[in-house]
Amino acid sequence: MALDTGVTVWLMVSAMLVMLMTPGVGLFYGGLVRKKNFISMLALSFVVLALVSIHWVLIGYSLAFGPDVGGIIGNLNYLGLNGVSADAGPGGYPPLVFMAFQLFFASVTVTIVTSAVAERIKFSSFLVFIIVWLTLVYCPLAHWAWGGGWAQQLGLIDFAGGTVVEICSGFAALALALVIKNRAGYGEYTFEPHNIPMALIGAALLWFGWFGFNAGSALAVNGVTATAFITTNTAAAAGALAWMFASWYHGKPSSLGMVSGAIAGMVAITPAAGFVSPLVSILIGAVAGVLCYGMMLFRVKKKCDESLDAWAIHGMGGLWGTFATGIFAAAAVGGFSGLIEGNVHQCLVNAFCAVVAMVFAFVMTYIIATAINHVMGLRVSEDEEYVGLDICQHGERA
């Protein structure tokens, strides 16, 4: 097939937008921690980007998108990008561009997981965690849903990563938080965000980057691309307003609540972006805003220090979004019908795959984190935690 320059350029631009989300998460999380740990959160996001980039070229892309092995994993045909062409493929774009697009999906997923270890992770231990987790958790999930694995064969529809990115990162963060345990003084002292404007800038970058994340996942430039673009923004807006009003009922309409709701809305619309109408995206985003706010309150009540709420927002938002995709998918929009149009099978498939992704990500992450903790320890000493990770891990001050 001849090179489609329009599609190729759009995918490259989308890849760059998704790449921007990794430091966006770093800024968002960095603004939410105490000042003495700000550089640590940014450093984690940048080292994730670097390590994932090398891993994906060497082995990750082949494991996720190589020819299927038993519905579980890709083979090693694309090891070191062997055979990944820079010439036009069946979609009119080079497979090498698709590889880059998916690389940044992997990067932002791992970065979301840093929510669980904020202000207490050993930098060296997290480097090991990145490599092992990417290989044993993210790559298999990506293959199941998008690379020809069992979930795709079963009929899962996941437009841009409800299972692969959102459920995976959210429930992995919960497992990791349970292993590394609460920060020193958690529940005794108030850990105030040190720089809310910085967190808002990070959230703005995420909102901006999400257009590439979702609309780029159409892998084309057509009506589905336009639909995904609009539903992404609409769900973000609905989520922002829903969280704002829900939190206003309990106090004041905080800026952090608004942007957290926007992120929740985008998380929930991610698996459905090209399969539902803009009107339905309002419902999906609004439910996500209220649901994820409620899950955050539940986490706090249970005194679980999943520090920056990846589980409440990404895990639970992704779970709702994947269920909602099976319910509201409309054949006239993206070619797939859901429960509302009488397709019970699609609803059940999406629900089943979401639950499997949730259990797999949680259990595997718990095992990996426990093993690393046993061998080299996951967290810094109490004295180092008191001083702050910026100084003790990086020798720098914000």
Protein backbone atom coordinates (compact mmCIF):
# COMPACT_ATOMS: atom_id res chain seq x y z
CA MET A 1 0.00 0.00 0.00
CA ALA A 2 1.23 3.51 -0.80
CA LEU A 3 2.25 5.80 2.03
CA ASP A 4 -0.66 7.90 3.31
CA THR A 5 1.19 11.03 4.38
CA GLY A 6 -1.82 12.52 6.17
CA VAL A 7 -2.34 9.48 8.39
CA THR A 8 1.40 9.11 8.98
CA VAL A 9 1.81 12.72 10.06
CA TRP A 10 -1.26 12.51 12.32
CA LEU A 11 0.12 9.39 14.02
CA MET A 12 3.51 11.04 14.53
CA VAL A 13 1.85 14.15 16.00
CA SER A 14 -0.34 11.92 18.18
CA ALA A 15 2.75 10.07 19.39
CA MET A 16 4.32 13.37 20.39
CA LEU A 17 1.14 14.40 22.23
CA VAL A 18 1.14 11.11 24.16
CA MET A 19 4.85 11.53 24.92
CA LEU A 20 4.03 14.88 26.53
CA MET A 21 1.71 13.09 28.95
CA THR A 22 4.61 11.38 30.75
CA PRO A 23 6.21 14.61 32.02
CA GLY A 24 2.63 15.90 32.41
CA VAL A 25 1.99 13.16 34.97
CA GLY A 26 5.31 14.07 36.59
CA LEU A 27 4.28 17.72 36.98
CA PHE A 28 0.79 16.78 38.17
CA TYR A 29 2.12 14.37 40.77
CA GLY A 30 5.06 16.63 41.61
CA GLY A 31 2.77 19.50 42.51
CA LEU A 32 0.77 17.25 44.83
CA VAL A 33 3.67 16.05 46.99
CA ARG A 34 5.67 17.99 49.55
CA LYS A 35 8.37 20.32 48.27
CA LYS A 36 11.20 18.03 49.42
CA ASN A 37 9.99 15.33 47.00
CA PHE A 38 9.15 17.41 43.93
CA ILE A 39 12.28 16.58 41.92
CA SER A 40 11.87 12.92 42.83
CA MET A 41 8.47 12.74 41.11
CA LEU A 42 9.76 14.50 38.00
CA ALA A 43 12.85 12.28 37.93
CA LEU A 44 10.67 9.16 38.09
CA SER A 45 8.67 10.31 35.06
CA PHE A 46 11.78 11.08 33.02
CA VAL A 47 13.58 7.84 33.89
CA VAL A 48 10.41 5.92 32.99
CA LEU A 49 10.43 7.59 29.57
CA ALA A 50 14.09 6.69 29.04
CA LEU A 51 13.92 3.10 30.27
CA VAL A 52 10.67 2.28 28.49
CA SER A 53 12.06 3.72 25.24
CA ILE A 54 15.00 1.31 25.32
CA HIS A 55 12.96 -1.66 26.57
CA TRP A 56 10.30 -1.13 23.89
CA VAL A 57 12.88 -1.07 21.08
CA LEU A 58 14.77 -4.10 22.38
CA ILE A 59 11.96 -6.42 23.44
CA GLY A 60 8.73 -4.71 24.58
CA TYR A 61 7.18 -4.03 21.19
CA SER A 62 7.81 -7.58 20.08
CA LEU A 63 6.24 -9.03 23.23
CA ALA A 64 3.18 -6.81 22.85
CA PHE A 65 2.67 -6.77 19.08
CA GLY A 66 4.72 -9.64 17.73
CA PRO A 67 2.98 -12.64 16.12
CA ASP A 68 0.71 -14.32 18.68
CA VAL A 69 1.86 -17.19 20.87
CA GLY A 70 -1.08 -19.06 22.35
CA GLY A 71 -3.14 -15.89 22.79
CA ILE A 72 -0.89 -14.87 25.68
CA ILE A 73 2.15 -13.00 24.36
CA GLY A 74 3.88 -11.94 21.16
CA ASN A 75 6.93 -13.84 19.96
CA LEU A 76 10.38 -12.34 19.51
CA ASN A 77 10.23 -11.82 15.74
CA TYR A 78 10.52 -8.04 16.23
CA LEU A 79 13.42 -8.23 18.70
CA GLY A 80 15.43 -5.02 18.36
CA LEU A 81 12.77 -3.83 15.86
CA ASN A 82 13.89 -6.47 13.39
CA GLY A 83 11.37 -6.45 10.54
CA VAL A 84 9.54 -3.35 11.79
CA SER A 85 9.49 -1.42 8.54
CA ALA A 86 9.76 2.30 7.90
CA ASP A 87 7.81 1.77 4.67
CA ALA A 88 4.04 1.98 4.43
CA GLY A 89 2.11 -0.90 5.95
CA PRO A 90 -1.50 -2.07 5.40
CA GLY A 91 -2.91 1.03 7.11
CA GLY A 92 -0.95 3.40 4.91
CA TYR A 93 1.49 4.31 7.71
CA PRO A 94 4.88 2.75 8.58
CA PRO A 95 4.83 0.10 11.32
CA LEU A 96 7.79 1.99 12.80
CA VAL A 97 5.48 4.96 13.48
CA PHE A 98 2.91 2.69 15.13
CA MET A 99 5.72 1.29 17.27
CA ALA A 100 6.60 4.81 18.48
CA PHE A 101 2.96 5.62 19.15
CA GLN A 102 2.60 2.53 21.33
CA LEU A 103 5.92 3.17 23.06
CA PHE A 104 4.56 6.35 24.63
CA PHE A 105 1.41 4.51 25.76
CA ALA A 106 3.64 2.14 27.70
CA SER A 107 5.61 5.05 29.13
CA VAL A 108 2.63 6.98 30.48
CA THR A 109 1.13 3.79 31.95
CA VAL A 110 4.25 3.11 34.02
CA THR A 111 4.41 6.76 35.08
CA ILE A 112 0.84 6.63 36.44
CA VAL A 113 1.94 3.81 38.75
CA THR A 114 4.41 6.16 40.50
CA SER A 115 1.35 7.49 42.36
CA ALA A 116 1.67 4.52 44.71
CA VAL A 117 5.26 5.15 45.78
CA ALA A 118 5.41 8.94 46.08
CA GLU A 119 7.79 10.28 48.71
CA ARG A 120 9.21 6.90 49.80
CA ILE A 121 10.55 4.80 46.90
CA LYS A 122 14.21 3.89 46.46
CA PHE A 123 15.21 5.10 43.02
CA SER A 124 17.30 1.98 42.30
CA SER A 125 14.45 -0.34 43.28
CA PHE A 126 12.01 1.48 41.03
CA LEU A 127 14.36 1.07 38.05
CA VAL A 128 14.19 -2.70 38.53
CA PHE A 129 10.43 -2.53 39.01
CA ILE A 130 9.97 -0.65 35.72
CA ILE A 131 11.75 -3.30 33.66
CA VAL A 132 10.15 -6.32 35.33
CA TRP A 133 6.64 -4.83 35.44
CA LEU A 134 6.72 -3.70 31.83
CA THR A 135 7.81 -7.17 30.71
CA LEU A 136 5.47 -9.27 32.85
CA VAL A 137 2.39 -7.07 33.21
CA TYR A 138 2.04 -4.34 30.59
CA CYS A 139 3.29 -6.22 27.52
CA PRO A 140 1.01 -9.26 28.05
CA LEU A 141 -2.02 -7.01 28.65
CA ALA A 142 -1.27 -4.96 25.53
CA HIS A 143 -0.98 -8.17 23.53
CA TRP A 144 -4.24 -9.57 24.92
CA ALA A 145 -6.26 -6.50 23.98
CA TRP A 146 -4.51 -5.11 20.89
CA GLY A 147 -1.84 -7.50 19.65
CA GLY A 148 -4.01 -10.45 18.63
CA GLY A 149 -4.24 -12.08 22.06
CA TRP A 150 -7.12 -13.95 23.68
CA ALA A 151 -9.14 -10.86 24.70
CA GLN A 152 -9.08 -9.43 21.18
CA GLN A 153 -10.00 -12.86 19.80
CA LEU A 154 -12.88 -13.04 22.28
CA GLY A 155 -14.20 -9.70 21.00
CA LEU A 156 -13.05 -7.09 23.54
CA ILE A 157 -13.45 -3.53 22.25
CA ASP A 158 -11.03 -1.13 23.91
CA PHE A 159 -10.46 1.90 21.74
CA ALA A 160 -7.45 3.46 23.47
CA GLY A 161 -6.62 1.56 26.64
CA GLY A 162 -9.30 1.14 29.29
CA THR A 163 -7.86 -2.25 30.17
CA VAL A 164 -4.28 -1.88 28.91
CA VAL A 165 -3.53 1.54 30.41
CA GLU A 166 -6.15 2.57 32.95
CA ILE A 167 -7.22 -0.60 34.79
CA CYS A 168 -3.68 -1.91 34.53
CA SER A 169 -1.99 1.16 36.05
CA GLY A 170 -4.68 1.85 38.65
CA PHE A 171 -4.82 -1.62 40.17
CA ALA A 172 -1.06 -2.02 39.88
CA ALA A 173 -0.72 1.18 41.91
CA LEU A 174 -3.04 -0.21 44.58
CA ALA A 175 -1.02 -3.43 44.85
CA LEU A 176 2.27 -1.54 44.99
CA ALA A 177 0.95 0.78 47.70
CA LEU A 178 -0.09 -2.18 49.82
CA VAL A 179 3.40 -3.67 49.57
CA ILE A 180 5.41 -0.49 50.16
CA LYS A 181 2.98 0.62 52.90
CA ASN A 182 2.03 4.10 54.08
CA ARG A 183 4.33 7.09 54.27
CA ALA A 184 5.80 7.86 57.69
CA GLY A 185 3.33 10.04 59.57
CA TYR A 186 0.43 9.27 57.24
CA GLY A 187 -2.81 9.76 59.17
CA GLU A 188 -1.03 11.76 61.87
CA TYR A 189 -0.04 14.80 59.81
CA THR A 190 -1.58 16.60 56.86
CA PHE A 191 0.51 16.22 53.70
CA GLU A 192 -0.38 19.42 51.86
CA PRO A 193 0.38 19.73 48.12
CA HIS A 194 3.36 22.06 47.83
CA ASN A 195 2.49 23.64 44.46
CA ILE A 196 -1.09 23.46 43.22
CA PRO A 197 -0.46 25.67 40.15
CA MET A 198 2.22 23.18 39.05
CA ALA A 199 -0.25 20.33 39.44
CA LEU A 200 -2.77 22.26 37.34
CA ILE A 201 -0.17 22.77 34.61
CA GLY A 202 0.51 19.04 34.63
CA ALA A 203 -3.21 18.33 34.34
CA ALA A 204 -3.48 20.77 31.44
CA LEU A 205 -0.70 18.89 29.63
CA LEU A 206 -2.57 15.64 30.24
CA TRP A 207 -5.81 17.08 28.82
CA PHE A 208 -3.89 18.34 25.79
CA GLY A 209 -2.00 15.08 25.28
CA TRP A 210 -5.14 12.97 25.63
CA PHE A 211 -6.33 14.16 22.21
CA GLY A 212 -3.43 12.26 20.68
CA PHE A 213 -3.97 9.37 23.06
CA ASN A 214 -7.59 8.82 22.04
CA ALA A 215 -8.04 10.38 18.61
CA GLY A 216 -4.69 8.98 17.47
CA SER A 217 -5.90 5.49 18.37
CA ALA A 218 -8.21 5.57 15.37
CA LEU A 219 -4.99 4.94 13.37
CA ALA A 220 -6.61 6.94 10.58
CA VAL A 221 -7.94 10.38 9.74
CA ASN A 222 -11.68 9.95 9.39
CA GLY A 223 -15.00 10.34 11.17
CA VAL A 224 -14.01 8.01 14.00
CA THR A 225 -10.96 10.18 14.62
CA ALA A 226 -13.19 13.25 14.86
CA THR A 227 -15.61 11.46 17.16
CA ALA A 228 -12.82 10.34 19.50
CA PHE A 229 -11.45 13.88 19.58
CA ILE A 230 -14.80 15.38 20.59
CA THR A 231 -15.85 12.66 23.04
CA THR A 232 -12.51 13.02 24.82
CA ASN A 233 -13.00 16.71 25.45
CA THR A 234 -16.68 16.34 26.30
CA ALA A 235 -16.10 13.57 28.85
CA ALA A 236 -13.28 15.60 30.41
CA ALA A 237 -15.59 18.58 30.81
CA ALA A 238 -18.39 16.44 32.27
CA GLY A 239 -16.01 14.77 34.68
CA ALA A 240 -14.58 18.10 35.83
CA LEU A 241 -18.02 19.53 36.56
CA ALA A 242 -19.31 16.35 38.23
CA TRP A 243 -16.33 16.09 40.61
CA MET A 244 -16.51 19.83 41.29
CA PHE A 245 -20.18 19.73 42.29
CA ALA A 246 -19.77 16.51 44.29
CA SER A 247 -16.87 17.95 46.27
CA TRP A 248 -18.64 21.32 46.61
CA TYR A 249 -21.40 19.50 48.45
CA HIS A 250 -18.83 18.52 51.08
CA GLY A 251 -16.90 21.79 51.18
CA LYS A 252 -15.53 24.08 48.50
CA PRO A 253 -15.10 23.64 44.74
CA SER A 254 -11.32 23.12 44.65
CA SER A 255 -9.21 23.53 41.54
CA LEU A 256 -7.61 20.14 42.18
CA GLY A 257 -11.07 18.59 42.28
CA MET A 258 -11.91 20.08 38.89
CA VAL A 259 -8.78 18.76 37.16
CA SER A 260 -9.02 15.40 38.93
CA GLY A 261 -12.56 15.10 37.60
CA ALA A 262 -11.39 16.02 34.10
CA ILE A 263 -8.77 13.28 34.25
CA ALA A 264 -11.39 10.83 35.55
CA GLY A 265 -13.64 11.72 32.63
CA MET A 266 -10.86 11.16 30.12
CA VAL A 267 -9.90 7.88 31.75
CA ALA A 268 -13.47 6.60 31.47
CA ILE A 269 -13.94 7.67 27.85
CA THR A 270 -10.61 6.17 26.77
CA PRO A 271 -11.96 2.68 25.93
CA ALA A 272 -15.14 4.13 24.41
CA ALA A 273 -13.85 7.22 22.61
CA GLY A 274 -14.46 6.06 19.04
CA PHE A 275 -17.46 3.88 19.81
CA VAL A 276 -19.98 6.28 21.42
CA SER A 277 -21.59 9.61 20.59
CA PRO A 278 -20.66 12.93 22.24
CA LEU A 279 -23.97 12.89 24.15
CA VAL A 280 -23.16 9.51 25.68
CA SER A 281 -19.67 10.74 26.54
CA ILE A 282 -21.28 13.35 28.82
CA LEU A 283 -22.90 10.54 30.81
CA ILE A 284 -19.72 8.45 30.91
CA GLY A 285 -17.62 11.42 32.05
CA ALA A 286 -20.12 12.62 34.64
CA VAL A 287 -20.48 9.18 36.23
CA ALA A 288 -16.68 8.88 36.30
CA GLY A 289 -16.33 12.22 38.09
CA VAL A 290 -18.72 11.23 40.88
CA LEU A 291 -17.51 7.61 41.07
CA CYS A 292 -13.81 8.45 41.24
CA TYR A 293 -14.42 11.17 43.83
CA GLY A 294 -16.29 8.63 45.94
CA MET A 295 -13.49 6.08 45.53
CA MET A 296 -10.95 8.68 46.67
CA LEU A 297 -13.01 9.30 49.83
CA PHE A 298 -13.27 5.54 50.37
CA ARG A 299 -9.48 5.14 50.09
CA VAL A 300 -8.89 7.91 52.61
CA LYS A 301 -11.44 6.40 54.98
CA LYS A 302 -9.65 3.05 54.78
CA LYS A 303 -6.30 4.80 55.51
CA CYS A 304 -4.66 3.34 52.41
CA ASP A 305 -1.81 5.58 51.26
CA GLU A 306 -2.12 5.09 47.51
CA SER A 307 -0.72 8.54 47.60
CA LEU A 308 -1.95 10.33 44.49
CA ASP A 309 -5.08 8.31 43.67
CA ALA A 310 -4.14 6.35 40.58
CA TRP A 311 -6.42 3.56 41.83
CA ALA A 312 -9.42 5.80 42.47
CA ILE A 313 -9.10 7.72 39.19
CA HIS A 314 -7.40 5.40 36.69
CA GLY A 315 -8.30 2.00 38.12
CA MET A 316 -11.95 2.62 38.96
CA GLY A 317 -12.46 5.10 36.13
CA GLY A 318 -11.01 2.59 33.66
CA LEU A 319 -13.19 -0.19 35.06
CA TRP A 320 -16.33 1.95 34.63
CA GLY A 321 -15.25 3.05 31.16
CA THR A 322 -14.65 -0.49 29.93
CA PHE A 323 -18.04 -1.61 31.29
CA ALA A 324 -19.66 1.48 29.73
CA THR A 325 -18.11 0.69 26.34
CA GLY A 326 -19.84 -2.68 26.35
CA ILE A 327 -23.11 -0.98 27.29
CA PHE A 328 -23.19 2.13 25.09
CA ALA A 329 -21.17 1.27 21.97
CA ALA A 330 -23.19 2.34 18.93
CA ALA A 331 -22.81 0.64 15.55
CA ALA A 332 -23.52 3.89 13.73
CA VAL A 333 -20.55 5.56 15.45
CA GLY A 334 -17.71 3.04 15.48
CA GLY A 335 -19.12 -0.14 13.97
CA PHE A 336 -19.73 -1.98 17.25
CA SER A 337 -23.00 -2.30 19.16
CA GLY A 338 -23.35 -2.66 22.92
CA LEU A 339 -26.03 -3.68 25.39
CA ILE A 340 -28.25 -0.66 24.62
CA GLU A 341 -28.50 -1.89 21.01
CA GLY A 342 -29.21 -5.44 22.14
CA ASN A 343 -25.69 -6.89 22.03
CA VAL A 344 -25.52 -8.67 25.39
CA HIS A 345 -22.45 -10.63 24.30
CA GLN A 346 -20.37 -7.47 23.84
CA CYS A 347 -21.33 -6.24 27.28
CA LEU A 348 -20.37 -9.54 28.89
CA VAL A 349 -17.07 -9.77 26.99
CA ASN A 350 -16.02 -6.28 28.02
CA ALA A 351 -16.99 -6.88 31.64
CA PHE A 352 -15.14 -10.21 31.74
CA CYS A 353 -11.97 -8.80 30.16
CA ALA A 354 -12.04 -5.81 32.52
CA VAL A 355 -12.20 -8.07 35.56
CA VAL A 356 -9.42 -10.31 34.25
CA ALA A 357 -7.22 -7.26 33.57
CA MET A 358 -7.92 -5.96 37.07
CA VAL A 359 -7.03 -9.24 38.79
CA PHE A 360 -3.98 -9.87 36.61
CA ALA A 361 -2.52 -6.38 37.11
CA PHE A 362 -3.13 -6.44 40.86
CA VAL A 363 -1.82 -9.95 41.55
CA MET A 364 1.21 -9.76 39.28
CA THR A 365 2.20 -6.34 40.61
CA TYR A 366 1.84 -7.54 44.20
CA ILE A 367 4.11 -10.51 43.46
CA ILE A 368 6.72 -8.39 41.64
CA ALA A 369 6.74 -5.69 44.32
CA THR A 370 7.00 -8.24 47.12
CA ALA A 371 9.93 -9.96 45.42
CA ILE A 372 11.82 -6.71 44.86
CA ASN A 373 11.08 -5.60 48.40
CA HIS A 374 12.47 -8.88 49.72
CA VAL A 375 15.64 -8.75 47.61
CA MET A 376 16.63 -5.08 47.70
CA GLY A 377 13.96 -3.17 49.61
CA LEU A 378 11.43 -0.83 48.01
CA ARG A 379 11.54 2.17 50.29
CA VAL A 380 14.12 4.54 51.70
CA SER A 381 14.94 4.65 55.41
CA GLU A 382 12.78 6.70 57.78
CA ASP A 383 15.55 9.29 58.13
CA GLU A 384 15.83 9.63 54.36
CA GLU A 385 12.07 9.93 54.08
CA TYR A 386 12.16 12.71 56.66
CA VAL A 387 14.90 14.59 54.75
CA GLY A 388 13.12 14.06 51.45
CA LEU A 389 13.90 12.11 48.32
CA ASP A 390 15.16 15.13 46.38
CA ILE A 391 18.21 15.34 48.64
CA CYS A 392 18.75 11.71 49.63
CA GLN A 393 18.12 10.16 46.20
CA HIS A 394 19.16 12.91 43.77
CA GLY A 395 21.26 15.42 45.72
CA GLU A 396 19.16 18.32 44.44
CA ARG A 397 16.67 20.86 45.75
CA ALA A 398 13.60 22.12 43.90
